[in-house]
Amino acid sequence: MAAAARQLFEAEAERVRSLLALSTKRLEPLADPLVMDFGLHRWLAGDREEAYSDWLQWILQQVQTPREVFRLLGVDPPGTLLEWRELPPEVGRELPVPEGHEDQEGRLDLWVRYESNALFVLEVKKSDADHADTRKQAGYKAWLESQPEPHKYPILIAADAEKEVYEGFRLLRWSDLCVGLRRLACRLTIGGHIAAAALTLALAGAIEQNLLGLSARDVAVGSFAGFNVRRLLAHLERWLSEKPDDDGR
C-alpha cells in the first residue's frame, strides 16, 4: 500500500510541478509564491488576524480604479461605475460604529468607501465562518444601511462556510480572494508596478500557506506530512483556468 501511495503521490506531485511552471510563466517576471515559505514570518505568527487585514488594506489603497476593487472582492459593479471618477477609494481599518454585539459598540475590520457612490464593509476571519463570531455583523449591517452611499456591500472573508450569507454579510472565501490577488498582481505587473505586484502576490502566498494550509515546498521534498496534494492541485487548476484578462494574463 505504501508503494502504491508513493506512486500516486509522485504522479500528483509531477502535475503540481507542471502547474507551478505554468503559473510562474503567467506571473513573469515574478514567480508563484507557493514555492516560498511564509510560515516563518513573525508578523504572521500566532492569531494575528489584524496582519492580514492591514496587508489587504494596503493593497486596496494601491488599486487604481473602482473596477479593480469590485473585481478583487468578487462583486458585480453597478451600471453607473463608468461615471465615477477614476480615483483610489478611501480605505480604513477599525472604524468605530454604534452597533456591534447587542447593546455594545463595534469596530469594522476594514471598509472601502467611494464617497456618494459605494461603501464596502469587510469582516475578516482567519477560520471558517461557522466557527467564528458573526453575531456582531447584524449591528454592522444596520450601520451600513444608514450610510448615504446608494451601493452597499457587506462582505465576510473566511476560509470556508456552510452558508453563503451570515447576518447579511456575503461570504468571500480566502481561496477566491487569492485567485483575485494573483490576477491583480498580473495587472499591476503589466502596468509597471512591480513592487506593488510582488507584495500583492506575497499576500496571496501567505494566505494560501498559513490560512489554507497549501504549500508546494512539500512536493519538492516529497513529504506527505500535513499535506494534501489534491487540494493544492485544485487551487492551482482553479487559478490557471481563470480566463485571462485582455492583456493576455
C-alpha atoms as a PDB file:
ATOM      1  CA  MET A   1       0.000   0.000   0.000  1.00  0.00           C
ATOM      2  CA  ALA A   2       2.834   2.350   0.820  1.00  0.00           C
ATOM      3  CA  ALA A   3       4.386   1.779  -2.608  1.00  0.00           C
ATOM      4  CA  ALA A   4       1.057   2.422  -4.345  1.00  0.00           C
ATOM      5  CA  ALA A   5       0.539   5.600  -2.313  1.00  0.00           C
ATOM      6  CA  ARG A   6       4.044   6.757  -3.220  1.00  0.00           C
ATOM      7  CA  GLN A   7       3.346   6.240  -6.923  1.00  0.00           C
ATOM      8  CA  LEU A   8       0.102   8.199  -6.684  1.00  0.00           C
ATOM      9  CA  PHE A   9       1.807  10.997  -4.790  1.00  0.00           C
ATOM     10  CA  GLU A  10       4.605  11.212  -7.343  1.00  0.00           C
ATOM     11  CA  ALA A  11       2.107  11.426 -10.206  1.00  0.00           C
ATOM     12  CA  GLU A  12       0.153  14.181  -8.467  1.00  0.00           C
ATOM     13  CA  ALA A  13       3.371  15.949  -7.460  1.00  0.00           C
ATOM     14  CA  GLU A  14       4.511  15.963 -11.079  1.00  0.00           C
ATOM     15  CA  ARG A  15       1.184  17.550 -12.029  1.00  0.00           C
ATOM     16  CA  VAL A  16       1.732  20.208  -9.340  1.00  0.00           C
ATOM     17  CA  ARG A  17       5.218  20.954 -10.675  1.00  0.00           C
ATOM     18  CA  SER A  18       3.791  21.348 -14.178  1.00  0.00           C
ATOM     19  CA  LEU A  19       1.074  23.729 -12.959  1.00  0.00           C
ATOM     20  CA  LEU A  20       3.599  25.748 -10.954  1.00  0.00           C
ATOM     21  CA  ALA A  21       5.693  26.201 -14.096  1.00  0.00           C
ATOM     22  CA  LEU A  22       2.624  27.435 -15.981  1.00  0.00           C
ATOM     23  CA  SER A  23       1.709  29.725 -13.098  1.00  0.00           C
ATOM     24  CA  THR A  24       5.200  31.227 -12.931  1.00  0.00           C
ATOM     25  CA  LYS A  25       5.092  31.884 -16.666  1.00  0.00           C
ATOM     26  CA  ARG A  26       1.790  33.735 -16.246  1.00  0.00           C
ATOM     27  CA  LEU A  27       3.220  35.725 -13.324  1.00  0.00           C
ATOM     28  CA  GLU A  28       6.517  36.714 -15.003  1.00  0.00           C
ATOM     29  CA  PRO A  29       8.778  38.440 -14.055  1.00  0.00           C
ATOM     30  CA  LEU A  30       7.572  37.224 -10.641  1.00  0.00           C
ATOM     31  CA  ALA A  31       7.162  33.597  -9.578  1.00  0.00           C
ATOM     32  CA  ASP A  32       4.454  31.547  -7.915  1.00  0.00           C
ATOM     33  CA  PRO A  33       4.521  32.379  -4.175  1.00  0.00           C
ATOM     34  CA  LEU A  34       3.642  28.816  -3.124  1.00  0.00           C
ATOM     35  CA  VAL A  35       7.282  27.798  -3.566  1.00  0.00           C
ATOM     36  CA  MET A  36       8.336  30.233  -0.803  1.00  0.00           C
ATOM     37  CA  ASP A  37       7.958  29.681   2.946  1.00  0.00           C
ATOM     38  CA  PHE A  38       5.700  32.277   4.593  1.00  0.00           C
ATOM     39  CA  GLY A  39       5.162  30.206   7.721  1.00  0.00           C
ATOM     40  CA  LEU A  40       8.258  31.590   9.437  1.00  0.00           C
ATOM     41  CA  HIS A  41       7.281  35.265   9.127  1.00  0.00           C
ATOM     42  CA  ARG A  42       6.846  36.598  12.695  1.00  0.00           C
ATOM     43  CA  TRP A  43       4.397  39.275  11.538  1.00  0.00           C
ATOM     44  CA  LEU A  44       2.034  36.482  10.539  1.00  0.00           C
ATOM     45  CA  ALA A  45       2.671  34.294  13.586  1.00  0.00           C
ATOM     46  CA  GLY A  46       0.029  33.297  16.111  1.00  0.00           C
ATOM     47  CA  ASP A  47      -3.539  34.503  15.764  1.00  0.00           C
ATOM     48  CA  ARG A  48      -2.824  37.919  14.269  1.00  0.00           C
ATOM     49  CA  GLU A  49      -5.938  38.345  12.179  1.00  0.00           C
ATOM     50  CA  GLU A  50      -5.054  42.055  12.013  1.00  0.00           C
ATOM     51  CA  ALA A  51      -1.932  41.377   9.955  1.00  0.00           C
ATOM     52  CA  TYR A  52      -3.965  40.105   7.024  1.00  0.00           C
ATOM     53  CA  SER A  53      -6.433  42.999   7.315  1.00  0.00           C
ATOM     54  CA  ASP A  54      -3.564  45.524   7.401  1.00  0.00           C
ATOM     55  CA  TRP A  55      -1.946  43.968   4.348  1.00  0.00           C
ATOM     56  CA  LEU A  56      -5.234  43.826   2.433  1.00  0.00           C
ATOM     57  CA  GLN A  57      -5.887  47.481   3.309  1.00  0.00           C
ATOM     58  CA  TRP A  58      -2.548  48.479   1.799  1.00  0.00           C
ATOM     59  CA  ILE A  59      -3.265  46.542  -1.391  1.00  0.00           C
ATOM     60  CA  LEU A  60      -6.702  48.119  -1.779  1.00  0.00           C
ATOM     61  CA  GLN A  61      -5.020  51.514  -1.468  1.00  0.00           C
ATOM     62  CA  GLN A  62      -2.777  50.638  -4.423  1.00  0.00           C
ATOM     63  CA  VAL A  63      -5.681  49.741  -6.710  1.00  0.00           C
ATOM     64  CA  GLN A  64      -6.077  52.430  -9.335  1.00  0.00           C
ATOM     65  CA  THR A  65      -9.704  52.063 -10.439  1.00  0.00           C
ATOM     66  CA  PRO A  66     -13.063  51.173  -8.835  1.00  0.00           C
ATOM     67  CA  ARG A  67     -13.462  48.320 -11.303  1.00  0.00           C
ATOM     68  CA  GLU A  68     -10.340  46.646  -9.861  1.00  0.00           C
ATOM     69  CA  VAL A  69     -11.776  46.794  -6.334  1.00  0.00           C
ATOM     70  CA  PHE A  70     -15.089  45.274  -7.415  1.00  0.00           C
ATOM     71  CA  ARG A  71     -13.269  42.564  -9.337  1.00  0.00           C
ATOM     72  CA  LEU A  72     -10.953  41.715  -6.424  1.00  0.00           C
ATOM     73  CA  LEU A  73     -13.839  41.495  -3.960  1.00  0.00           C
ATOM     74  CA  GLY A  74     -15.975  39.392  -6.296  1.00  0.00           C
ATOM     75  CA  VAL A  75     -18.778  41.925  -6.676  1.00  0.00           C
ATOM     76  CA  ASP A  76     -20.608  42.831  -9.875  1.00  0.00           C
ATOM     77  CA  PRO A  77     -20.186  46.591 -10.352  1.00  0.00           C
ATOM     78  CA  PRO A  78     -23.223  48.858 -10.765  1.00  0.00           C
ATOM     79  CA  GLY A  79     -24.109  50.201 -14.174  1.00  0.00           C
ATOM     80  CA  THR A  80     -23.049  53.692 -13.107  1.00  0.00           C
ATOM     81  CA  LEU A  81     -19.432  52.644 -12.487  1.00  0.00           C
ATOM     82  CA  LEU A  82     -18.087  54.263 -15.657  1.00  0.00           C
ATOM     83  CA  GLU A  83     -19.422  57.609 -14.466  1.00  0.00           C
ATOM     84  CA  TRP A  84     -17.288  57.554 -11.321  1.00  0.00           C
ATOM     85  CA  ARG A  85     -14.043  59.418 -11.049  1.00  0.00           C
ATOM     86  CA  GLU A  86     -11.132  57.005 -11.517  1.00  0.00           C
ATOM     87  CA  LEU A  87      -9.562  57.739  -8.124  1.00  0.00           C
ATOM     88  CA  PRO A  88      -8.353  55.431  -5.369  1.00  0.00           C
ATOM     89  CA  PRO A  89     -11.004  54.784  -2.712  1.00  0.00           C
ATOM     90  CA  GLU A  90     -10.909  55.824   0.915  1.00  0.00           C
ATOM     91  CA  VAL A  91      -9.787  52.694   2.773  1.00  0.00           C
ATOM     92  CA  GLY A  92      -9.716  52.381   6.549  1.00  0.00           C
ATOM     93  CA  ARG A  93      -9.351  49.998   9.478  1.00  0.00           C
ATOM     94  CA  GLU A  94     -11.051  49.632  12.868  1.00  0.00           C
ATOM     95  CA  LEU A  95     -13.770  52.234  12.301  1.00  0.00           C
ATOM     96  CA  PRO A  96     -15.905  52.657  15.474  1.00  0.00           C
ATOM     97  CA  VAL A  97     -19.627  52.173  14.876  1.00  0.00           C
ATOM     98  CA  PRO A  98     -22.514  52.476  17.366  1.00  0.00           C
ATOM     99  CA  GLU A  99     -23.709  48.860  16.978  1.00  0.00           C
ATOM    100  CA  GLY A 100     -21.858  45.550  17.162  1.00  0.00           C
ATOM    101  CA  HIS A 101     -22.904  42.892  19.626  1.00  0.00           C
ATOM    102  CA  GLU A 102     -26.249  43.614  21.267  1.00  0.00           C
ATOM    103  CA  ASP A 103     -26.036  46.779  23.412  1.00  0.00           C
ATOM    104  CA  GLN A 104     -22.365  47.226  22.524  1.00  0.00           C
ATOM    105  CA  GLU A 105     -20.374  49.396  20.169  1.00  0.00           C
ATOM    106  CA  GLY A 106     -18.274  47.776  17.464  1.00  0.00           C
ATOM    107  CA  ARG A 107     -15.325  48.305  15.151  1.00  0.00           C
ATOM    108  CA  LEU A 108     -15.271  47.493  11.458  1.00  0.00           C
ATOM    109  CA  ASP A 109     -12.299  45.356  10.431  1.00  0.00           C
ATOM    110  CA  LEU A 110     -11.925  47.050   7.052  1.00  0.00           C
ATOM    111  CA  TRP A 111     -14.001  49.424   4.958  1.00  0.00           C
ATOM    112  CA  VAL A 112     -13.761  50.865   1.454  1.00  0.00           C
ATOM    113  CA  ARG A 113     -15.713  53.991   0.518  1.00  0.00           C
ATOM    114  CA  TYR A 114     -16.304  55.719  -2.784  1.00  0.00           C
ATOM    115  CA  GLU A 115     -17.935  58.845  -1.446  1.00  0.00           C
ATOM    116  CA  SER A 116     -21.536  59.296  -2.602  1.00  0.00           C
ATOM    117  CA  ASN A 117     -21.292  56.096  -4.657  1.00  0.00           C
ATOM    118  CA  ALA A 118     -20.413  52.868  -2.839  1.00  0.00           C
ATOM    119  CA  LEU A 119     -19.369  51.532   0.547  1.00  0.00           C
ATOM    120  CA  PHE A 120     -17.849  48.130   1.323  1.00  0.00           C
ATOM    121  CA  VAL A 121     -17.639  46.745   4.863  1.00  0.00           C
ATOM    122  CA  LEU A 122     -15.284  43.765   5.150  1.00  0.00           C
ATOM    123  CA  GLU A 123     -15.208  41.443   8.143  1.00  0.00           C
ATOM    124  CA  VAL A 124     -12.067  39.298   8.212  1.00  0.00           C
ATOM    125  CA  LYS A 125     -11.968  35.833   9.831  1.00  0.00           C
ATOM    126  CA  LYS A 126      -8.977  33.504   9.716  1.00  0.00           C
ATOM    127  CA  SER A 127     -11.114  30.441  10.414  1.00  0.00           C
ATOM    128  CA  ASP A 128     -14.303  29.036   8.913  1.00  0.00           C
ATOM    129  CA  ALA A 129     -17.308  31.340   9.272  1.00  0.00           C
ATOM    130  CA  ASP A 130     -19.229  28.688  11.206  1.00  0.00           C
ATOM    131  CA  HIS A 131     -16.573  28.696  13.958  1.00  0.00           C
ATOM    132  CA  ALA A 132     -16.252  32.499  14.129  1.00  0.00           C
ATOM    133  CA  ASP A 133     -18.200  35.181  15.965  1.00  0.00           C
ATOM    134  CA  THR A 134     -20.513  36.613  13.311  1.00  0.00           C
ATOM    135  CA  ARG A 135     -23.366  37.862  15.534  1.00  0.00           C
ATOM    136  CA  LYS A 136     -21.936  41.391  15.747  1.00  0.00           C
ATOM    137  CA  GLN A 137     -22.321  41.716  11.990  1.00  0.00           C
ATOM    138  CA  ALA A 138     -26.037  42.375  12.425  1.00  0.00           C
ATOM    139  CA  GLY A 139     -25.122  45.673  14.091  1.00  0.00           C
ATOM    140  CA  TYR A 140     -22.565  46.416  11.398  1.00  0.00           C
ATOM    141  CA  LYS A 141     -25.174  45.780   8.723  1.00  0.00           C
ATOM    142  CA  ALA A 142     -27.553  48.217  10.436  1.00  0.00           C
ATOM    143  CA  TRP A 143     -24.841  50.898  10.452  1.00  0.00           C
ATOM    144  CA  LEU A 144     -24.073  50.225   6.781  1.00  0.00           C
ATOM    145  CA  GLU A 145     -27.728  50.627   5.820  1.00  0.00           C
ATOM    146  CA  SER A 146     -27.775  54.048   7.495  1.00  0.00           C
ATOM    147  CA  GLN A 147     -24.968  55.386   5.286  1.00  0.00           C
ATOM    148  CA  PRO A 148     -25.731  57.675   2.311  1.00  0.00           C
ATOM    149  CA  GLU A 149     -23.972  55.665  -0.420  1.00  0.00           C
ATOM    150  CA  PRO A 150     -26.544  54.018  -2.723  1.00  0.00           C
ATOM    151  CA  HIS A 151     -24.441  50.892  -3.309  1.00  0.00           C
ATOM    152  CA  LYS A 152     -23.604  48.938  -0.129  1.00  0.00           C
ATOM    153  CA  TYR A 153     -21.605  45.708   0.080  1.00  0.00           C
ATOM    154  CA  PRO A 154     -21.207  43.816   3.380  1.00  0.00           C
ATOM    155  CA  ILE A 155     -18.626  41.040   2.851  1.00  0.00           C
ATOM    156  CA  LEU A 156     -17.371  38.317   5.207  1.00  0.00           C
ATOM    157  CA  ILE A 157     -13.929  36.954   4.321  1.00  0.00           C
ATOM    158  CA  ALA A 158     -13.380  33.466   5.760  1.00  0.00           C
ATOM    159  CA  ALA A 159     -11.713  30.164   4.918  1.00  0.00           C
ATOM    160  CA  ASP A 160     -14.983  28.356   4.245  1.00  0.00           C
ATOM    161  CA  ALA A 161     -18.608  28.183   5.396  1.00  0.00           C
ATOM    162  CA  GLU A 162     -21.774  26.131   5.209  1.00  0.00           C
ATOM    163  CA  LYS A 163     -23.827  29.173   4.140  1.00  0.00           C
ATOM    164  CA  GLU A 164     -23.237  31.985   1.680  1.00  0.00           C
ATOM    165  CA  VAL A 165     -24.666  34.798   3.861  1.00  0.00           C
ATOM    166  CA  TYR A 166     -24.139  35.498   7.596  1.00  0.00           C
ATOM    167  CA  GLU A 167     -26.084  38.286   9.294  1.00  0.00           C
ATOM    168  CA  GLY A 168     -26.470  39.964   5.922  1.00  0.00           C
ATOM    169  CA  PHE A 169     -22.764  39.603   5.002  1.00  0.00           C
ATOM    170  CA  ARG A 170     -21.980  37.750   1.769  1.00  0.00           C
ATOM    171  CA  LEU A 171     -19.218  35.145   2.034  1.00  0.00           C
ATOM    172  CA  LEU A 172     -15.942  35.662   0.177  1.00  0.00           C
ATOM    173  CA  ARG A 173     -13.665  32.653   0.604  1.00  0.00           C
ATOM    174  CA  TRP A 174      -9.951  33.224   1.105  1.00  0.00           C
ATOM    175  CA  SER A 175      -9.251  30.890  -1.823  1.00  0.00           C
ATOM    176  CA  ASP A 176     -11.349  33.078  -4.132  1.00  0.00           C
ATOM    177  CA  LEU A 177      -9.645  36.216  -2.846  1.00  0.00           C
ATOM    178  CA  CYS A 178      -6.249  34.621  -3.535  1.00  0.00           C
ATOM    179  CA  VAL A 179      -7.194  33.991  -7.154  1.00  0.00           C
ATOM    180  CA  GLY A 180      -8.232  37.639  -7.357  1.00  0.00           C
ATOM    181  CA  LEU A 181      -4.930  38.752  -5.808  1.00  0.00           C
ATOM    182  CA  ARG A 182      -2.986  36.695  -8.331  1.00  0.00           C
ATOM    183  CA  ARG A 183      -4.926  38.282 -11.201  1.00  0.00           C
ATOM    184  CA  LEU A 184      -4.392  41.734  -9.710  1.00  0.00           C
ATOM    185  CA  ALA A 185      -0.647  41.064  -9.448  1.00  0.00           C
ATOM    186  CA  CYS A 186      -0.587  40.276 -13.170  1.00  0.00           C
ATOM    187  CA  ARG A 187      -2.337  43.542 -13.998  1.00  0.00           C
ATOM    188  CA  LEU A 188      -0.033  45.537 -11.719  1.00  0.00           C
ATOM    189  CA  THR A 189       2.969  43.965 -13.441  1.00  0.00           C
ATOM    190  CA  ILE A 190       1.597  44.884 -16.870  1.00  0.00           C
ATOM    191  CA  GLY A 191       1.247  48.461 -15.615  1.00  0.00           C
ATOM    192  CA  GLY A 192       4.870  48.531 -14.466  1.00  0.00           C
ATOM    193  CA  HIS A 193       4.062  48.471 -10.737  1.00  0.00           C
ATOM    194  CA  ILE A 194       6.405  45.583  -9.966  1.00  0.00           C
ATOM    195  CA  ALA A 195       6.884  46.271  -6.247  1.00  0.00           C
ATOM    196  CA  ALA A 196       3.128  46.504  -5.644  1.00  0.00           C
ATOM    197  CA  ALA A 197       2.615  43.349  -7.709  1.00  0.00           C
ATOM    198  CA  ALA A 198       5.206  41.467  -5.647  1.00  0.00           C
ATOM    199  CA  LEU A 199       3.586  42.458  -2.348  1.00  0.00           C
ATOM    200  CA  THR A 200       0.142  41.568  -3.685  1.00  0.00           C
ATOM    201  CA  LEU A 201       1.385  38.149  -4.730  1.00  0.00           C
ATOM    202  CA  ALA A 202       3.117  37.723  -1.374  1.00  0.00           C
ATOM    203  CA  LEU A 203      -0.196  38.238   0.431  1.00  0.00           C
ATOM    204  CA  ALA A 204      -1.765  35.536  -1.743  1.00  0.00           C
ATOM    205  CA  GLY A 205       1.080  33.185  -0.842  1.00  0.00           C
ATOM    206  CA  ALA A 206       0.831  33.962   2.881  1.00  0.00           C
ATOM    207  CA  ILE A 207      -2.917  33.274   2.884  1.00  0.00           C
ATOM    208  CA  GLU A 208      -2.559  30.106   0.830  1.00  0.00           C
ATOM    209  CA  GLN A 209       0.088  28.681   3.137  1.00  0.00           C
ATOM    210  CA  ASN A 210      -0.908  29.951   6.598  1.00  0.00           C
ATOM    211  CA  LEU A 211      -4.710  30.038   6.358  1.00  0.00           C
ATOM    212  CA  LEU A 212      -5.456  27.407   3.698  1.00  0.00           C
ATOM    213  CA  GLY A 213      -2.634  25.007   4.524  1.00  0.00           C
ATOM    214  CA  LEU A 214      -1.241  24.834   0.981  1.00  0.00           C
ATOM    215  CA  SER A 215       2.458  24.585   0.165  1.00  0.00           C
ATOM    216  CA  ALA A 216       4.403  23.467  -2.877  1.00  0.00           C
ATOM    217  CA  ARG A 217       7.544  23.033  -0.769  1.00  0.00           C
ATOM    218  CA  ASP A 218       6.192  19.691   0.491  1.00  0.00           C
ATOM    219  CA  VAL A 219       6.033  18.480  -3.088  1.00  0.00           C
ATOM    220  CA  ALA A 220       9.637  19.476  -3.677  1.00  0.00           C
ATOM    221  CA  VAL A 221      10.895  17.348  -0.767  1.00  0.00           C
ATOM    222  CA  GLY A 222       8.418  14.501  -1.345  1.00  0.00           C
ATOM    223  CA  SER A 223       6.748  14.869   2.033  1.00  0.00           C
ATOM    224  CA  PHE A 224       3.296  13.515   2.928  1.00  0.00           C
ATOM    225  CA  ALA A 225       3.199  15.008   6.424  1.00  0.00           C
ATOM    226  CA  GLY A 226       0.426  17.555   6.923  1.00  0.00           C
ATOM    227  CA  PHE A 227      -0.050  17.979   3.198  1.00  0.00           C
ATOM    228  CA  ASN A 228      -2.995  17.481   0.874  1.00  0.00           C
ATOM    229  CA  VAL A 229      -1.660  17.489  -2.669  1.00  0.00           C
ATOM    230  CA  ARG A 230      -5.132  17.252  -4.186  1.00  0.00           C
ATOM    231  CA  ARG A 231      -6.230  20.482  -2.500  1.00  0.00           C
ATOM    232  CA  LEU A 232      -3.163  22.189  -3.932  1.00  0.00           C
ATOM    233  CA  LEU A 233      -3.903  20.778  -7.375  1.00  0.00           C
ATOM    234  CA  ALA A 234      -7.476  22.035  -7.218  1.00  0.00           C
ATOM    235  CA  HIS A 235      -6.339  25.520  -6.181  1.00  0.00           C
ATOM    236  CA  LEU A 236      -3.731  25.808  -8.928  1.00  0.00           C
ATOM    237  CA  GLU A 237      -6.135  24.455 -11.534  1.00  0.00           C
ATOM    238  CA  ARG A 238      -8.758  26.982 -10.449  1.00  0.00           C
ATOM    239  CA  TRP A 239      -6.280  29.858 -10.759  1.00  0.00           C
ATOM    240  CA  LEU A 240      -4.967  28.744 -14.141  1.00  0.00           C
ATOM    241  CA  SER A 241      -8.436  28.031 -15.513  1.00  0.00           C
ATOM    242  CA  GLU A 242      -9.490  31.637 -14.966  1.00  0.00           C
ATOM    243  CA  LYS A 243      -9.965  33.378 -18.295  1.00  0.00           C
ATOM    244  CA  PRO A 244      -7.032  35.742 -18.903  1.00  0.00           C
ATOM    245  CA  ASP A 245      -7.745  39.448 -18.996  1.00  0.00           C
ATOM    246  CA  ASP A 246      -7.499  41.482 -22.175  1.00  0.00           C
ATOM    247  CA  ASP A 247      -3.778  41.880 -21.515  1.00  0.00           C
ATOM    248  CA  GLY A 248      -3.323  38.135 -22.075  1.00  0.00           C
ATOM    249  CA  ARG A 249      -2.524  37.261 -18.443  1.00  0.00           C
END
